[in-house]
Amino acid sequence: MIRKLLGKAYRREDGMTGLETAIILIAFVTVAAVFGYAVLSAGIFSADKAKGTIYQGMEEAKSSMEVKGGVIATSAAGVEVRTIEFVVANAIGEYPIDLTPQGDVSGNNCTIISYTDENQYEEELEGWSITPLAGADADNLLEIGEQFLVTVYVNKTAEVGPPIVASHLATALDVNTNFTLELKPPHGATIVVSRRTPAELDSVMDLK
């Protein structure tokens, strides 16, 4: 009789041990599944971020400009630099770039130009204009195969007549001065033009 009771007790203990083992295994499987899902989600998120960065870089490249040719400066009576001119073109040509200046009558200022030299910094120059060259239409969009002449007025002395809005720098751009212009379109890369004025100002100067 005692042996039968002990046998039943042992059988019950074996049953409990099996149930506990099953619970532990289920817990391990659940934790592993949650961990695997977390790792998979992190991998998918990282892949999406990388893909987004690549696409953004491609969009920036598709809408980038470049300077064509030299940078020309003009001087007002040899006293100070009056204008700085350069030609821009669409580097790749897939997307048009809006080069509407701030002084445009439409009021749609899409592109800004910043100016820096050793004496001053202007975040947004007001005095600049664009001129469509051969093959360009009359709008302000720099499109495939088009080139625009950008004229930046950097004179300190106020002028009578055009341009109606001039930059009027606080300090005149004179001889032997390093300066930088940054042409910042609404999308695409910024064009940086850095030059140094010569030791003597002529009416027209090709800045190397």
N, C-alpha and C. Protein backbone atom coordinates (compact mmCIF):
# COMPACT_ATOMS: atom_id res chain seq x y z
N MET A 1 0.82 -1.21 0.00
CA MET A 1 0.00 0.00 0.00
C MET A 1 0.86 1.26 0.00
N ILE A 2 1.84 1.21 0.86
CA ILE A 2 2.74 2.37 0.94
C ILE A 2 3.47 2.58 -0.37
N ARG A 3 3.88 1.47 -1.01
CA ARG A 3 4.57 1.58 -2.29
C ARG A 3 3.69 2.21 -3.35
N LYS A 4 2.40 1.88 -3.36
CA LYS A 4 1.47 2.46 -4.33
C LYS A 4 1.35 3.97 -4.12
N LEU A 5 1.24 4.38 -2.83
CA LEU A 5 1.13 5.81 -2.55
C LEU A 5 2.39 6.55 -2.97
N LEU A 6 3.55 5.94 -2.66
CA LEU A 6 4.81 6.59 -3.07
C LEU A 6 4.91 6.65 -4.58
N GLY A 7 4.46 5.61 -5.26
CA GLY A 7 4.50 5.62 -6.73
C GLY A 7 3.65 6.73 -7.31
N LYS A 8 2.44 6.91 -6.74
CA LYS A 8 1.59 8.01 -7.20
C LYS A 8 2.23 9.37 -6.94
N ALA A 9 2.86 9.51 -5.77
CA ALA A 9 3.52 10.78 -5.46
C ALA A 9 4.64 11.08 -6.43
N TYR A 10 5.43 10.06 -6.75
CA TYR A 10 6.52 10.26 -7.71
C TYR A 10 5.98 10.64 -9.08
N ARG A 11 4.87 9.99 -9.46
CA ARG A 11 4.29 10.32 -10.77
C ARG A 11 3.80 11.76 -10.80
N ARG A 12 3.21 12.22 -9.68
CA ARG A 12 2.77 13.61 -9.64
C ARG A 12 3.96 14.57 -9.71
N GLU A 13 5.06 14.23 -9.06
CA GLU A 13 6.24 15.09 -9.10
C GLU A 13 6.82 15.17 -10.49
N ASP A 14 6.82 14.03 -11.20
CA ASP A 14 7.28 14.05 -12.59
C ASP A 14 6.39 14.93 -13.45
N GLY A 15 5.09 14.87 -13.21
CA GLY A 15 4.17 15.71 -13.98
C GLY A 15 4.43 17.18 -13.73
N MET A 16 4.64 17.58 -12.51
CA MET A 16 4.92 18.98 -12.18
C MET A 16 6.22 19.43 -12.81
N THR A 17 7.23 18.58 -12.78
CA THR A 17 8.53 18.94 -13.38
C THR A 17 8.38 19.15 -14.88
N GLY A 18 7.61 18.32 -15.55
CA GLY A 18 7.39 18.48 -16.98
C GLY A 18 6.66 19.77 -17.30
N LEU A 19 5.66 20.11 -16.46
CA LEU A 19 4.90 21.34 -16.68
C LEU A 19 5.79 22.58 -16.49
N GLU A 20 6.61 22.57 -15.47
CA GLU A 20 7.52 23.70 -15.23
C GLU A 20 8.50 23.84 -16.37
N THR A 21 9.01 22.71 -16.85
CA THR A 21 9.95 22.76 -17.98
C THR A 21 9.29 23.35 -19.21
N ALA A 22 8.04 22.97 -19.45
CA ALA A 22 7.31 23.50 -20.60
C ALA A 22 7.12 25.00 -20.48
N ILE A 23 6.78 25.46 -19.27
CA ILE A 23 6.60 26.91 -19.05
C ILE A 23 7.89 27.66 -19.31
N ILE A 24 9.02 27.11 -18.83
CA ILE A 24 10.31 27.76 -19.03
C ILE A 24 10.66 27.82 -20.52
N LEU A 25 10.40 26.70 -21.21
CA LEU A 25 10.68 26.68 -22.66
C LEU A 25 9.83 27.71 -23.40
N ILE A 26 8.56 27.78 -23.03
CA ILE A 26 7.68 28.77 -23.66
C ILE A 26 8.18 30.19 -23.39
N ALA A 27 8.63 30.44 -22.16
CA ALA A 27 9.16 31.76 -21.82
C ALA A 27 10.38 32.10 -22.66
N PHE A 28 11.30 31.10 -22.81
CA PHE A 28 12.50 31.32 -23.63
C PHE A 28 12.12 31.62 -25.07
N VAL A 29 11.17 30.86 -25.60
CA VAL A 29 10.75 31.08 -26.99
C VAL A 29 10.13 32.46 -27.15
N THR A 30 9.32 32.88 -26.19
CA THR A 30 8.67 34.19 -26.26
C THR A 30 9.70 35.32 -26.23
N VAL A 31 10.65 35.20 -25.28
CA VAL A 31 11.70 36.23 -25.18
C VAL A 31 12.53 36.28 -26.45
N ALA A 32 12.88 35.10 -26.99
CA ALA A 32 13.66 35.06 -28.23
C ALA A 32 12.89 35.67 -29.38
N ALA A 33 11.58 35.43 -29.44
CA ALA A 33 10.77 36.00 -30.52
C ALA A 33 10.71 37.52 -30.41
N VAL A 34 10.52 38.02 -29.19
CA VAL A 34 10.49 39.48 -28.99
C VAL A 34 11.83 40.10 -29.35
N PHE A 35 12.91 39.47 -28.90
CA PHE A 35 14.24 39.99 -29.21
C PHE A 35 14.50 39.97 -30.72
N GLY A 36 14.11 38.87 -31.37
CA GLY A 36 14.30 38.80 -32.82
C GLY A 36 13.50 39.85 -33.55
N TYR A 37 12.26 40.11 -33.09
CA TYR A 37 11.44 41.15 -33.71
C TYR A 37 12.08 42.52 -33.53
N ALA A 38 12.63 42.76 -32.34
CA ALA A 38 13.27 44.06 -32.09
C ALA A 38 14.49 44.26 -32.99
N VAL A 39 15.30 43.21 -33.14
CA VAL A 39 16.48 43.30 -34.00
C VAL A 39 16.07 43.50 -35.45
N LEU A 40 15.04 42.77 -35.88
CA LEU A 40 14.56 42.91 -37.26
C LEU A 40 14.01 44.31 -37.52
N SER A 41 13.26 44.84 -36.56
CA SER A 41 12.71 46.19 -36.71
C SER A 41 13.82 47.23 -36.79
N ALA A 42 14.85 47.08 -35.93
CA ALA A 42 15.97 48.01 -35.97
C ALA A 42 16.70 47.95 -37.31
N GLY A 43 16.85 46.73 -37.84
CA GLY A 43 17.51 46.59 -39.14
C GLY A 43 16.72 47.24 -40.25
N ILE A 44 15.39 47.05 -40.24
CA ILE A 44 14.54 47.66 -41.27
C ILE A 44 14.58 49.17 -41.16
N PHE A 45 14.55 49.69 -39.92
CA PHE A 45 14.60 51.14 -39.72
C PHE A 45 15.91 51.72 -40.23
N SER A 46 17.03 51.03 -39.93
CA SER A 46 18.33 51.50 -40.39
C SER A 46 18.42 51.47 -41.91
N ALA A 47 17.87 50.43 -42.52
CA ALA A 47 17.88 50.34 -43.98
C ALA A 47 17.06 51.47 -44.60
N ASP A 48 15.90 51.78 -44.00
CA ASP A 48 15.07 52.87 -44.52
C ASP A 48 15.78 54.21 -44.39
N LYS A 49 16.47 54.43 -43.26
CA LYS A 49 17.22 55.68 -43.08
C LYS A 49 18.33 55.80 -44.10
N ALA A 50 19.04 54.70 -44.34
CA ALA A 50 20.12 54.73 -45.32
C ALA A 50 19.58 54.99 -46.72
N LYS A 51 18.45 54.35 -47.04
CA LYS A 51 17.83 54.56 -48.35
C LYS A 51 17.38 56.00 -48.50
N GLY A 52 16.80 56.56 -47.43
CA GLY A 52 16.37 57.96 -47.48
C GLY A 52 17.54 58.91 -47.68
N THR A 53 18.67 58.62 -47.02
CA THR A 53 19.86 59.46 -47.18
C THR A 53 20.38 59.40 -48.60
N ILE A 54 20.37 58.20 -49.18
CA ILE A 54 20.83 58.05 -50.56
C ILE A 54 19.94 58.81 -51.52
N TYR A 55 18.61 58.69 -51.33
CA TYR A 55 17.68 59.39 -52.20
C TYR A 55 17.83 60.91 -52.06
N GLN A 56 18.03 61.37 -50.82
CA GLN A 56 18.20 62.80 -50.61
C GLN A 56 19.46 63.30 -51.30
N GLY A 57 20.54 62.51 -51.20
CA GLY A 57 21.76 62.90 -51.90
C GLY A 57 21.59 62.94 -53.40
N MET A 58 20.82 61.99 -53.93
CA MET A 58 20.55 61.99 -55.37
C MET A 58 19.74 63.20 -55.78
N GLU A 59 18.75 63.58 -54.94
CA GLU A 59 17.94 64.75 -55.26
C GLU A 59 18.80 66.01 -55.23
N GLU A 60 19.71 66.09 -54.25
CA GLU A 60 20.60 67.25 -54.18
C GLU A 60 21.49 67.32 -55.41
N ALA A 61 22.00 66.18 -55.84
CA ALA A 61 22.89 66.16 -57.00
C ALA A 61 22.16 66.53 -58.27
N LYS A 62 20.90 66.08 -58.38
CA LYS A 62 20.13 66.37 -59.58
C LYS A 62 19.83 67.85 -59.73
N SER A 63 19.87 68.62 -58.65
CA SER A 63 19.50 70.03 -58.71
C SER A 63 20.68 70.93 -58.34
N SER A 64 21.88 70.55 -58.71
CA SER A 64 23.05 71.34 -58.38
C SER A 64 23.46 72.22 -59.56
N MET A 65 24.07 73.35 -59.22
CA MET A 65 24.57 74.29 -60.22
C MET A 65 26.08 74.28 -60.23
N GLU A 66 26.64 74.90 -61.27
CA GLU A 66 28.08 75.08 -61.35
C GLU A 66 28.37 76.40 -62.04
N VAL A 67 29.55 76.94 -61.74
CA VAL A 67 29.98 78.19 -62.37
C VAL A 67 30.66 77.86 -63.69
N LYS A 68 30.24 78.56 -64.72
CA LYS A 68 30.81 78.40 -66.05
C LYS A 68 31.70 79.60 -66.36
N GLY A 69 32.98 79.33 -66.60
CA GLY A 69 33.88 80.43 -66.97
C GLY A 69 34.44 81.18 -65.78
N GLY A 70 34.86 82.41 -66.03
CA GLY A 70 35.54 83.19 -65.00
C GLY A 70 34.60 84.03 -64.17
N VAL A 71 35.21 84.74 -63.22
CA VAL A 71 34.49 85.67 -62.34
C VAL A 71 34.99 87.07 -62.67
N ILE A 72 34.08 87.94 -63.11
CA ILE A 72 34.43 89.27 -63.57
C ILE A 72 33.98 90.31 -62.56
N ALA A 73 34.85 91.25 -62.23
CA ALA A 73 34.51 92.35 -61.34
C ALA A 73 34.65 93.66 -62.09
N THR A 74 33.80 94.60 -61.76
CA THR A 74 33.90 95.95 -62.33
C THR A 74 34.13 96.94 -61.20
N SER A 75 34.79 98.04 -61.53
CA SER A 75 35.13 99.04 -60.53
C SER A 75 34.52 100.38 -60.90
N ALA A 76 34.08 101.10 -59.89
CA ALA A 76 33.54 102.44 -60.08
C ALA A 76 34.66 103.46 -59.94
N ALA A 77 35.19 103.92 -61.08
CA ALA A 77 36.25 104.93 -61.11
C ALA A 77 37.49 104.50 -60.35
N GLY A 78 37.74 103.18 -60.25
CA GLY A 78 38.93 102.68 -59.58
C GLY A 78 38.94 102.87 -58.09
N VAL A 79 37.80 103.19 -57.50
CA VAL A 79 37.75 103.47 -56.07
C VAL A 79 37.31 102.24 -55.28
N GLU A 80 36.32 101.54 -55.79
CA GLU A 80 35.79 100.37 -55.12
C GLU A 80 35.20 99.43 -56.16
N VAL A 81 35.06 98.15 -55.77
CA VAL A 81 34.43 97.18 -56.67
C VAL A 81 32.93 97.45 -56.67
N ARG A 82 32.38 97.52 -57.87
CA ARG A 82 30.95 97.81 -58.01
C ARG A 82 30.14 96.54 -58.19
N THR A 83 30.55 95.68 -59.11
CA THR A 83 29.80 94.46 -59.37
C THR A 83 30.74 93.27 -59.47
N ILE A 84 30.18 92.10 -59.20
CA ILE A 84 30.85 90.82 -59.42
C ILE A 84 29.91 89.97 -60.26
N GLU A 85 30.40 89.44 -61.37
CA GLU A 85 29.56 88.71 -62.30
C GLU A 85 30.14 87.33 -62.59
N PHE A 86 29.25 86.36 -62.72
CA PHE A 86 29.66 85.01 -63.10
C PHE A 86 28.45 84.31 -63.72
N VAL A 87 28.73 83.29 -64.51
CA VAL A 87 27.69 82.55 -65.22
C VAL A 87 27.47 81.20 -64.52
N VAL A 88 26.19 80.85 -64.34
CA VAL A 88 25.85 79.57 -63.72
C VAL A 88 25.06 78.72 -64.70
N ALA A 89 25.19 77.41 -64.56
CA ALA A 89 24.46 76.45 -65.38
C ALA A 89 24.01 75.31 -64.49
N ASN A 90 23.01 74.58 -64.96
CA ASN A 90 22.52 73.40 -64.24
C ASN A 90 23.54 72.27 -64.43
N ALA A 91 24.12 71.78 -63.34
CA ALA A 91 25.22 70.82 -63.43
C ALA A 91 24.79 69.49 -64.03
N ILE A 92 23.61 69.00 -63.66
CA ILE A 92 23.12 67.71 -64.15
C ILE A 92 21.91 67.89 -65.04
N GLY A 93 21.05 68.82 -64.69
CA GLY A 93 20.00 69.21 -65.60
C GLY A 93 18.66 68.54 -65.45
N GLU A 94 18.45 67.74 -64.40
CA GLU A 94 17.16 67.06 -64.30
C GLU A 94 16.08 67.97 -63.72
N TYR A 95 16.43 68.75 -62.69
CA TYR A 95 15.45 69.60 -62.05
C TYR A 95 15.80 71.07 -62.27
N PRO A 96 14.82 71.92 -62.59
CA PRO A 96 15.08 73.35 -62.72
C PRO A 96 15.32 73.98 -61.35
N ILE A 97 16.09 75.05 -61.32
CA ILE A 97 16.42 75.75 -60.08
C ILE A 97 15.89 77.17 -60.19
N ASP A 98 15.09 77.57 -59.20
CA ASP A 98 14.50 78.90 -59.21
C ASP A 98 15.51 79.93 -58.71
N LEU A 99 15.90 80.85 -59.58
CA LEU A 99 16.88 81.87 -59.23
C LEU A 99 16.24 83.25 -59.11
N THR A 100 15.01 83.29 -58.63
CA THR A 100 14.33 84.56 -58.46
C THR A 100 15.04 85.40 -57.41
N PRO A 101 15.54 86.60 -57.75
CA PRO A 101 16.21 87.44 -56.75
C PRO A 101 15.21 88.10 -55.81
N GLN A 102 15.73 88.64 -54.71
CA GLN A 102 14.87 89.28 -53.72
C GLN A 102 14.21 90.53 -54.30
N GLY A 103 14.91 91.26 -55.15
CA GLY A 103 14.37 92.50 -55.69
C GLY A 103 13.39 92.31 -56.82
N ASP A 104 13.05 91.06 -57.17
CA ASP A 104 12.13 90.80 -58.26
C ASP A 104 10.74 91.34 -57.91
N VAL A 105 10.05 91.89 -58.90
CA VAL A 105 8.75 92.52 -58.66
C VAL A 105 7.71 91.51 -58.18
N SER A 106 7.91 90.23 -58.48
CA SER A 106 6.95 89.22 -58.04
C SER A 106 7.01 88.98 -56.54
N GLY A 107 8.12 89.38 -55.91
CA GLY A 107 8.27 89.17 -54.47
C GLY A 107 8.58 87.75 -54.08
N ASN A 108 8.86 86.88 -55.05
CA ASN A 108 9.15 85.47 -54.76
C ASN A 108 10.66 85.27 -54.67
N ASN A 109 11.21 85.52 -53.50
CA ASN A 109 12.64 85.35 -53.32
C ASN A 109 12.93 83.89 -53.00
N CYS A 110 13.46 83.16 -53.97
CA CYS A 110 13.72 81.74 -53.78
C CYS A 110 15.20 81.45 -53.52
N THR A 111 16.08 82.28 -54.02
CA THR A 111 17.52 82.07 -53.88
C THR A 111 18.13 83.28 -53.18
N ILE A 112 19.07 83.03 -52.28
CA ILE A 112 19.74 84.14 -51.59
C ILE A 112 21.24 84.06 -51.86
N ILE A 113 21.90 85.21 -51.74
CA ILE A 113 23.35 85.30 -51.89
C ILE A 113 23.92 85.94 -50.64
N SER A 114 24.88 85.26 -50.03
CA SER A 114 25.57 85.78 -48.85
C SER A 114 26.95 86.28 -49.26
N TYR A 115 27.43 87.26 -48.51
CA TYR A 115 28.73 87.88 -48.81
C TYR A 115 29.59 87.92 -47.56
N THR A 116 30.87 87.60 -47.73
CA THR A 116 31.81 87.63 -46.61
C THR A 116 33.15 88.17 -47.09
N ASP A 117 33.73 89.07 -46.32
CA ASP A 117 35.13 89.42 -46.50
C ASP A 117 35.74 89.63 -45.12
N GLU A 118 36.98 90.13 -45.08
CA GLU A 118 37.66 90.25 -43.79
C GLU A 118 37.08 91.34 -42.91
N ASN A 119 36.19 92.17 -43.46
CA ASN A 119 35.63 93.28 -42.69
C ASN A 119 34.16 93.11 -42.33
N GLN A 120 33.44 92.20 -43.02
CA GLN A 120 32.00 92.17 -42.82
C GLN A 120 31.41 90.85 -43.32
N TYR A 121 30.15 90.63 -42.90
CA TYR A 121 29.39 89.47 -43.35
C TYR A 121 27.95 89.90 -43.57
N GLU A 122 27.44 89.62 -44.75
CA GLU A 122 26.05 89.92 -45.08
C GLU A 122 25.35 88.59 -45.40
N GLU A 123 24.37 88.24 -44.57
CA GLU A 123 23.67 86.97 -44.75
C GLU A 123 22.87 86.94 -46.04
N GLU A 124 22.27 88.07 -46.41
CA GLU A 124 21.40 88.10 -47.58
C GLU A 124 21.54 89.44 -48.29
N LEU A 125 22.29 89.44 -49.38
CA LEU A 125 22.43 90.66 -50.17
C LEU A 125 21.13 90.95 -50.92
N GLU A 126 20.77 92.22 -50.98
CA GLU A 126 19.56 92.61 -51.70
C GLU A 126 19.86 92.97 -53.15
N GLY A 127 21.07 93.41 -53.43
CA GLY A 127 21.38 93.92 -54.75
C GLY A 127 22.02 92.90 -55.67
N TRP A 128 21.21 92.10 -56.36
CA TRP A 128 21.74 91.21 -57.38
C TRP A 128 20.64 90.90 -58.38
N SER A 129 21.06 90.52 -59.57
CA SER A 129 20.10 90.27 -60.63
C SER A 129 20.60 89.12 -61.51
N ILE A 130 19.71 88.59 -62.34
CA ILE A 130 20.07 87.53 -63.28
C ILE A 130 19.69 87.97 -64.69
N THR A 131 20.49 87.53 -65.66
CA THR A 131 20.24 87.82 -67.07
C THR A 131 20.29 86.51 -67.85
N PRO A 132 19.18 86.10 -68.48
CA PRO A 132 19.21 84.87 -69.29
C PRO A 132 20.16 85.05 -70.47
N LEU A 133 20.98 84.05 -70.72
CA LEU A 133 21.89 84.09 -71.85
C LEU A 133 21.29 83.30 -73.01
N ALA A 134 22.05 83.15 -74.08
CA ALA A 134 21.55 82.52 -75.30
C ALA A 134 20.94 81.15 -75.00
N GLY A 135 19.74 80.94 -75.49
CA GLY A 135 19.07 79.66 -75.30
C GLY A 135 18.19 79.59 -74.07
N ALA A 136 18.28 80.57 -73.17
CA ALA A 136 17.47 80.57 -71.95
C ALA A 136 16.17 81.33 -72.20
N ASP A 137 15.07 80.83 -71.62
CA ASP A 137 13.79 81.54 -71.77
C ASP A 137 13.70 82.67 -70.76
N ALA A 138 12.53 83.32 -70.73
CA ALA A 138 12.40 84.55 -69.97
C ALA A 138 12.10 84.34 -68.49
N ASP A 139 11.81 83.11 -68.06
CA ASP A 139 11.51 82.92 -66.65
C ASP A 139 12.79 82.86 -65.83
N ASN A 140 12.62 82.71 -64.52
CA ASN A 140 13.76 82.68 -63.60
C ASN A 140 14.22 81.27 -63.25
N LEU A 141 13.75 80.28 -64.00
CA LEU A 141 14.12 78.90 -63.74
C LEU A 141 15.34 78.52 -64.57
N LEU A 142 16.38 78.06 -63.90
CA LEU A 142 17.58 77.57 -64.58
C LEU A 142 17.32 76.12 -64.98
N GLU A 143 17.06 75.90 -66.26
CA GLU A 143 16.63 74.59 -66.74
C GLU A 143 17.74 73.93 -67.56
N ILE A 144 17.40 72.80 -68.14
CA ILE A 144 18.37 72.02 -68.90
C ILE A 144 18.91 72.85 -70.06
N GLY A 145 20.23 72.93 -70.17
CA GLY A 145 20.86 73.62 -71.28
C GLY A 145 20.88 75.13 -71.16
N GLU A 146 20.36 75.69 -70.07
CA GLU A 146 20.32 77.15 -69.92
C GLU A 146 21.50 77.65 -69.08
N GLN A 147 21.82 78.91 -69.29
CA GLN A 147 22.85 79.59 -68.51
C GLN A 147 22.34 80.98 -68.15
N PHE A 148 22.63 81.39 -66.91
CA PHE A 148 22.24 82.73 -66.44
C PHE A 148 23.50 83.49 -66.02
N LEU A 149 23.52 84.76 -66.35
CA LEU A 149 24.56 85.65 -65.84
C LEU A 149 24.07 86.24 -64.52
N VAL A 150 24.81 86.00 -63.45
CA VAL A 150 24.47 86.53 -62.13
C VAL A 150 25.33 87.77 -61.88
N THR A 151 24.67 88.89 -61.62
CA THR A 151 25.36 90.15 -61.33
C THR A 151 25.08 90.55 -59.89
N VAL A 152 26.13 90.62 -59.09
CA VAL A 152 26.01 90.97 -57.67
C VAL A 152 26.59 92.36 -57.46
N TYR A 153 25.78 93.25 -56.91
CA TYR A 153 26.21 94.63 -56.66
C TYR A 153 26.77 94.71 -55.24
N VAL A 154 28.04 95.01 -55.14
CA VAL A 154 28.71 95.05 -53.83
C VAL A 154 29.24 96.44 -53.51
N ASN A 155 28.76 97.46 -54.22
CA ASN A 155 29.27 98.82 -53.99
C ASN A 155 28.81 99.35 -52.63
N LYS A 156 29.63 100.19 -52.05
CA LYS A 156 29.29 100.86 -50.80
C LYS A 156 28.59 102.18 -51.06
N THR A 157 29.04 102.90 -52.10
CA THR A 157 28.48 104.21 -52.42
C THR A 157 27.15 104.05 -53.13
N ALA A 158 26.13 104.79 -52.67
CA ALA A 158 24.81 104.74 -53.30
C ALA A 158 24.89 105.31 -54.71
N GLU A 159 24.12 104.73 -55.62
CA GLU A 159 24.13 105.15 -57.01
C GLU A 159 22.79 105.73 -57.41
N VAL A 160 22.83 106.56 -58.42
CA VAL A 160 21.61 107.10 -58.99
C VAL A 160 21.28 106.27 -60.24
N GLY A 161 20.08 105.77 -60.32
CA GLY A 161 19.72 104.93 -61.45
C GLY A 161 19.82 103.47 -61.09
N PRO A 162 19.70 102.60 -62.10
CA PRO A 162 19.71 101.15 -61.83
C PRO A 162 21.06 100.72 -61.28
N PRO A 163 21.14 99.71 -60.42
CA PRO A 163 19.96 98.98 -59.93
C PRO A 163 19.19 99.78 -58.90
N ILE A 164 17.89 99.58 -58.85
CA ILE A 164 17.07 100.30 -57.87
C ILE A 164 17.46 99.89 -56.46
N VAL A 165 17.75 98.60 -56.28
CA VAL A 165 18.20 98.10 -54.98
C VAL A 165 19.66 97.68 -55.12
N ALA A 166 20.55 98.32 -54.38
CA ALA A 166 21.96 97.95 -54.39
C ALA A 166 22.35 97.43 -53.02
N SER A 167 23.43 96.69 -52.96
CA SER A 167 23.80 96.05 -51.71
C SER A 167 24.28 97.04 -50.67
N HIS A 168 25.08 98.03 -51.11
CA HIS A 168 25.58 99.05 -50.20
C HIS A 168 26.25 98.44 -48.97
N LEU A 169 27.41 97.83 -49.19
CA LEU A 169 28.15 97.24 -48.09
C LEU A 169 28.59 98.30 -47.09
N ALA A 170 28.76 97.89 -45.85
CA ALA A 170 29.20 98.83 -44.83
C ALA A 170 30.63 99.28 -45.08
N THR A 171 31.45 98.36 -45.61
CA THR A 171 32.84 98.67 -45.95
C THR A 171 33.06 98.34 -47.42
N ALA A 172 33.63 99.27 -48.17
CA ALA A 172 33.82 99.07 -49.59
C ALA A 172 34.77 97.91 -49.86
N LEU A 173 34.50 97.15 -50.92
CA LEU A 173 35.41 96.09 -51.35
C LEU A 173 36.52 96.74 -52.16
N ASP A 174 37.71 96.77 -51.58
CA ASP A 174 38.83 97.51 -52.16
C ASP A 174 39.90 96.54 -52.65
N VAL A 175 41.11 97.03 -52.78
CA VAL A 175 42.22 96.25 -53.32
C VAL A 175 42.69 95.20 -52.31
N ASN A 176 43.32 94.14 -52.84
CA ASN A 176 43.96 93.11 -52.01
C ASN A 176 43.05 92.58 -50.90
N THR A 177 41.83 92.24 -51.26
CA THR A 177 40.86 91.78 -50.27
C THR A 177 40.27 90.44 -50.70
N ASN A 178 40.32 89.46 -49.82
CA ASN A 178 39.66 88.18 -50.07
C ASN A 178 38.17 88.29 -49.76
N PHE A 179 37.34 87.77 -50.64
CA PHE A 179 35.90 87.80 -50.41
C PHE A 179 35.29 86.47 -50.87
N THR A 180 34.09 86.18 -50.36
CA THR A 180 33.38 84.95 -50.72
C THR A 180 31.91 85.27 -50.94
N LEU A 181 31.38 84.78 -52.05
CA LEU A 181 29.95 84.83 -52.34
C LEU A 181 29.39 83.42 -52.27
N GLU A 182 28.24 83.26 -51.62
CA GLU A 182 27.57 81.96 -51.53
C GLU A 182 26.18 82.09 -52.16
N LEU A 183 25.99 81.40 -53.26
CA LEU A 183 24.69 81.37 -53.94
C LEU A 183 23.92 80.16 -53.43
N LYS A 184 22.80 80.43 -52.72
CA LYS A 184 22.07 79.37 -52.02
C LYS A 184 20.68 79.22 -52.64
N PRO A 185 20.50 78.22 -53.50
CA PRO A 185 19.18 77.98 -54.10
C PRO A 185 18.25 77.31 -53.09
N PRO A 186 16.94 77.26 -53.39
CA PRO A 186 16.00 76.62 -52.46
C PRO A 186 16.25 75.14 -52.29
N HIS A 187 16.83 74.47 -53.28
CA HIS A 187 17.23 73.07 -53.14
C HIS A 187 18.48 72.86 -53.98
N GLY A 188 19.26 71.87 -53.60
CA GLY A 188 20.52 71.65 -54.30
C GLY A 188 21.69 72.24 -53.53
N ALA A 189 22.88 72.00 -54.06
CA ALA A 189 24.09 72.42 -53.37
C ALA A 189 24.32 73.92 -53.49
N THR A 190 25.01 74.47 -52.51
CA THR A 190 25.39 75.88 -52.51
C THR A 190 26.62 76.09 -53.38
N ILE A 191 26.59 77.16 -54.19
CA ILE A 191 27.76 77.52 -54.99
C ILE A 191 28.59 78.53 -54.21
N VAL A 192 29.86 78.25 -54.04
CA VAL A 192 30.77 79.13 -53.31
C VAL A 192 31.78 79.72 -54.31
N VAL A 193 31.82 81.05 -54.35
CA VAL A 193 32.75 81.76 -55.22
C VAL A 193 33.69 82.56 -54.33
N SER A 194 34.95 82.18 -54.27
CA SER A 194 35.95 82.87 -53.45
C SER A 194 37.04 83.42 -54.36
N ARG A 195 37.32 84.70 -54.21
CA ARG A 195 38.33 85.36 -55.02
C ARG A 195 39.05 86.42 -54.18
N ARG A 196 40.08 87.03 -54.80
CA ARG A 196 40.83 88.11 -54.17
C ARG A 196 40.94 89.25 -55.17
N THR A 197 40.66 90.44 -54.71
CA THR A 197 40.77 91.60 -55.59
C THR A 197 42.25 91.91 -55.84
N PRO A 198 42.57 92.47 -57.02
CA PRO A 198 43.98 92.75 -57.35
C PRO A 198 44.53 93.96 -56.58
N ALA A 199 45.81 94.21 -56.78
CA ALA A 199 46.47 95.32 -56.09
C ALA A 199 46.04 96.67 -56.64
N GLU A 200 45.49 96.68 -57.85
CA GLU A 200 44.98 97.92 -58.44
C GLU A 200 43.68 97.61 -59.16
N LEU A 201 42.69 98.48 -58.96
CA LEU A 201 41.37 98.25 -59.53
C LEU A 201 41.27 98.87 -60.91
N ASP A 202 40.85 98.04 -61.88
CA ASP A 202 40.57 98.51 -63.23
C ASP A 202 39.05 98.55 -63.44
N SER A 203 38.64 99.07 -64.57
CA SER A 203 37.22 99.14 -64.86
C SER A 203 36.61 97.74 -64.97
N VAL A 204 37.34 96.81 -65.58
CA VAL A 204 36.90 95.44 -65.71
C VAL A 204 38.05 94.52 -65.33
N MET A 205 37.79 93.54 -64.46
CA MET A 205 38.86 92.68 -63.96
C MET A 205 38.39 91.22 -63.98
N ASP A 206 39.26 90.35 -64.49
CA ASP A 206 39.02 88.91 -64.43
C ASP A 206 39.71 88.38 -63.19
N LEU A 207 38.92 88.01 -62.18
CA LEU A 207 39.48 87.59 -60.91
C LEU A 207 39.87 86.10 -60.99
N LYS A 208 41.12 85.81 -60.81
CA LYS A 208 41.63 84.43 -60.90
C LYS A 208 41.49 83.71 -59.57
